[in-house]
Amino acid sequence: PQNMVVHLWAYRDITDREQRRTELAADAGWRAYVPKIKPLMLVQETRILKPAGFFADWVKSQLETRP
């Protein structure tokens, strides 16, 4: 597809993702931003990926440095 944007976000686990998404949904700035960008989005697809074994340790090391 043309004009496709891909974001990869790393989370400690699915619970961390759910907590961060809940906090984002409660953020007033985010709630004000979403209506502005929604008309620009035709399709949004979400995929939850599990890192391959050789990559899991690197991901874990990166997450340890994040608040």
N, C-alpha and C. Protein backbone atom coordinates (compact mmCIF):
# COMPACT_ATOMS: atom_id res chain seq x y z
N PRO A 1 0.82 -1.21 0.00
CA PRO A 1 0.00 0.00 0.00
C PRO A 1 0.86 1.26 0.00
N GLN A 2 0.36 2.28 -0.62
CA GLN A 2 1.04 3.57 -0.59
C GLN A 2 0.73 4.28 0.73
N ASN A 3 1.64 5.15 1.12
CA ASN A 3 1.44 5.99 2.31
C ASN A 3 1.16 5.16 3.55
N MET A 4 1.95 4.16 3.77
CA MET A 4 1.78 3.28 4.92
C MET A 4 2.81 3.65 5.98
N VAL A 5 2.36 3.75 7.21
CA VAL A 5 3.25 4.04 8.33
C VAL A 5 3.22 2.84 9.26
N VAL A 6 4.40 2.36 9.65
CA VAL A 6 4.50 1.22 10.55
C VAL A 6 5.19 1.67 11.82
N HIS A 7 4.58 1.38 12.95
CA HIS A 7 5.17 1.65 14.26
C HIS A 7 5.39 0.32 14.95
N LEU A 8 6.57 0.14 15.53
CA LEU A 8 6.83 -1.04 16.36
C LEU A 8 7.05 -0.56 17.79
N TRP A 9 6.21 -1.03 18.68
CA TRP A 9 6.30 -0.65 20.07
C TRP A 9 6.65 -1.88 20.89
N ALA A 10 7.58 -1.76 21.80
CA ALA A 10 7.97 -2.89 22.64
C ALA A 10 7.38 -2.72 24.04
N TYR A 11 6.86 -3.79 24.56
CA TYR A 11 6.28 -3.81 25.91
C TYR A 11 6.89 -4.97 26.69
N ARG A 12 6.94 -4.84 28.00
CA ARG A 12 7.47 -5.92 28.83
C ARG A 12 6.64 -7.19 28.66
N ASP A 13 5.32 -7.00 28.58
CA ASP A 13 4.39 -8.12 28.39
C ASP A 13 3.03 -7.51 28.02
N ILE A 14 2.05 -8.36 27.81
CA ILE A 14 0.74 -7.87 27.37
C ILE A 14 0.07 -7.00 28.44
N THR A 15 0.36 -7.28 29.71
CA THR A 15 -0.19 -6.47 30.79
C THR A 15 0.38 -5.06 30.75
N ASP A 16 1.68 -4.94 30.47
CA ASP A 16 2.31 -3.62 30.33
C ASP A 16 1.65 -2.84 29.20
N ARG A 17 1.39 -3.51 28.08
CA ARG A 17 0.73 -2.86 26.95
C ARG A 17 -0.65 -2.37 27.34
N GLU A 18 -1.42 -3.22 27.98
CA GLU A 18 -2.78 -2.85 28.38
C GLU A 18 -2.76 -1.66 29.34
N GLN A 19 -1.83 -1.66 30.29
CA GLN A 19 -1.74 -0.56 31.24
C GLN A 19 -1.39 0.75 30.53
N ARG A 20 -0.42 0.70 29.63
CA ARG A 20 -0.02 1.91 28.91
C ARG A 20 -1.13 2.43 28.00
N ARG A 21 -1.86 1.51 27.36
CA ARG A 21 -2.98 1.92 26.52
C ARG A 21 -4.10 2.56 27.35
N THR A 22 -4.33 2.03 28.54
CA THR A 22 -5.34 2.60 29.44
C THR A 22 -4.93 4.00 29.87
N GLU A 23 -3.65 4.18 30.21
CA GLU A 23 -3.16 5.50 30.59
C GLU A 23 -3.26 6.48 29.42
N LEU A 24 -2.95 6.01 28.22
CA LEU A 24 -3.04 6.87 27.04
C LEU A 24 -4.49 7.32 26.81
N ALA A 25 -5.41 6.38 26.93
CA ALA A 25 -6.82 6.70 26.71
C ALA A 25 -7.33 7.73 27.72
N ALA A 26 -6.72 7.78 28.89
CA ALA A 26 -7.14 8.73 29.92
C ALA A 26 -6.48 10.10 29.76
N ASP A 27 -5.49 10.20 28.89
CA ASP A 27 -4.73 11.44 28.72
C ASP A 27 -5.55 12.46 27.92
N ALA A 28 -5.74 13.64 28.49
CA ALA A 28 -6.56 14.68 27.84
C ALA A 28 -5.96 15.11 26.50
N GLY A 29 -4.66 15.23 26.43
CA GLY A 29 -4.01 15.63 25.18
C GLY A 29 -4.25 14.61 24.07
N TRP A 30 -4.17 13.33 24.41
CA TRP A 30 -4.42 12.28 23.43
C TRP A 30 -5.88 12.30 22.97
N ARG A 31 -6.79 12.48 23.92
CA ARG A 31 -8.21 12.51 23.58
C ARG A 31 -8.54 13.69 22.66
N ALA A 32 -7.83 14.79 22.81
CA ALA A 32 -8.04 15.95 21.94
C ALA A 32 -7.40 15.72 20.56
N TYR A 33 -6.33 14.96 20.52
CA TYR A 33 -5.59 14.71 19.27
C TYR A 33 -6.31 13.72 18.35
N VAL A 34 -6.88 12.68 18.92
CA VAL A 34 -7.49 11.61 18.12
C VAL A 34 -8.53 12.11 17.12
N PRO A 35 -9.48 12.96 17.50
CA PRO A 35 -10.46 13.43 16.51
C PRO A 35 -9.84 14.20 15.35
N LYS A 36 -8.68 14.80 15.59
CA LYS A 36 -8.01 15.55 14.53
C LYS A 36 -7.37 14.62 13.49
N ILE A 37 -6.86 13.48 13.94
CA ILE A 37 -6.18 12.59 13.01
C ILE A 37 -7.08 11.51 12.43
N LYS A 38 -8.19 11.23 13.08
CA LYS A 38 -9.07 10.15 12.59
C LYS A 38 -9.51 10.32 11.15
N PRO A 39 -9.87 11.53 10.70
CA PRO A 39 -10.27 11.68 9.29
C PRO A 39 -9.14 11.34 8.30
N LEU A 40 -7.91 11.37 8.76
CA LEU A 40 -6.77 11.09 7.89
C LEU A 40 -6.47 9.59 7.80
N MET A 41 -7.08 8.80 8.65
CA MET A 41 -6.81 7.37 8.69
C MET A 41 -7.93 6.60 7.99
N LEU A 42 -7.55 5.84 7.00
CA LEU A 42 -8.53 5.01 6.29
C LEU A 42 -8.60 3.61 6.91
N VAL A 43 -7.44 3.09 7.31
CA VAL A 43 -7.36 1.74 7.86
C VAL A 43 -6.31 1.74 8.97
N GLN A 44 -6.61 1.03 10.03
CA GLN A 44 -5.62 0.81 11.08
C GLN A 44 -5.62 -0.68 11.40
N GLU A 45 -4.44 -1.25 11.46
CA GLU A 45 -4.31 -2.67 11.75
C GLU A 45 -3.34 -2.83 12.92
N THR A 46 -3.71 -3.63 13.88
CA THR A 46 -2.86 -3.88 15.04
C THR A 46 -2.47 -5.35 15.06
N ARG A 47 -1.20 -5.58 15.26
CA ARG A 47 -0.69 -6.94 15.40
C ARG A 47 0.15 -7.02 16.65
N ILE A 48 -0.06 -8.05 17.42
CA ILE A 48 0.75 -8.31 18.60
C ILE A 48 1.78 -9.36 18.20
N LEU A 49 3.05 -9.03 18.28
CA LEU A 49 4.12 -9.93 17.88
C LEU A 49 4.90 -10.41 19.09
N LYS A 50 5.40 -11.60 19.02
CA LYS A 50 6.27 -12.15 20.05
C LYS A 50 7.67 -12.24 19.45
N PRO A 51 8.69 -11.69 20.13
CA PRO A 51 10.03 -11.69 19.53
C PRO A 51 10.59 -13.10 19.43
N ALA A 52 11.37 -13.32 18.37
CA ALA A 52 12.07 -14.59 18.21
C ALA A 52 13.06 -14.76 19.35
N GLY A 53 13.38 -15.98 19.67
CA GLY A 53 14.27 -16.28 20.79
C GLY A 53 15.58 -15.50 20.77
N PHE A 54 16.21 -15.41 19.59
CA PHE A 54 17.49 -14.70 19.49
C PHE A 54 17.35 -13.21 19.71
N PHE A 55 16.14 -12.68 19.59
CA PHE A 55 15.90 -11.24 19.72
C PHE A 55 15.34 -10.87 21.08
N ALA A 56 14.79 -11.84 21.79
CA ALA A 56 14.11 -11.58 23.05
C ALA A 56 15.03 -10.94 24.09
N ASP A 57 16.27 -11.39 24.20
CA ASP A 57 17.19 -10.82 25.20
C ASP A 57 17.50 -9.36 24.89
N TRP A 58 17.65 -9.02 23.60
CA TRP A 58 17.92 -7.63 23.24
C TRP A 58 16.72 -6.75 23.59
N VAL A 59 15.54 -7.22 23.27
CA VAL A 59 14.33 -6.46 23.59
C VAL A 59 14.24 -6.24 25.10
N LYS A 60 14.49 -7.28 25.86
CA LYS A 60 14.43 -7.18 27.32
C LYS A 60 15.44 -6.14 27.83
N SER A 61 16.64 -6.13 27.27
CA SER A 61 17.66 -5.16 27.71
C SER A 61 17.21 -3.73 27.39
N GLN A 62 16.55 -3.53 26.28
CA GLN A 62 16.07 -2.20 25.92
C GLN A 62 14.95 -1.74 26.83
N LEU A 63 14.08 -2.66 27.20
CA LEU A 63 12.96 -2.31 28.07
C LEU A 63 13.42 -2.01 29.49
N GLU A 64 14.51 -2.60 29.91
CA GLU A 64 15.03 -2.35 31.26
C GLU A 64 15.49 -0.91 31.43
N THR A 65 15.84 -0.25 30.35
CA THR A 65 16.31 1.13 30.44
C THR A 65 15.18 2.13 30.29
N ARG A 66 13.97 1.65 30.01
CA ARG A 66 12.82 2.53 29.79
C ARG A 66 12.00 2.67 31.06
N PRO A 67 11.49 3.87 31.32
CA PRO A 67 10.67 4.04 32.54
C PRO A 67 9.36 3.30 32.47
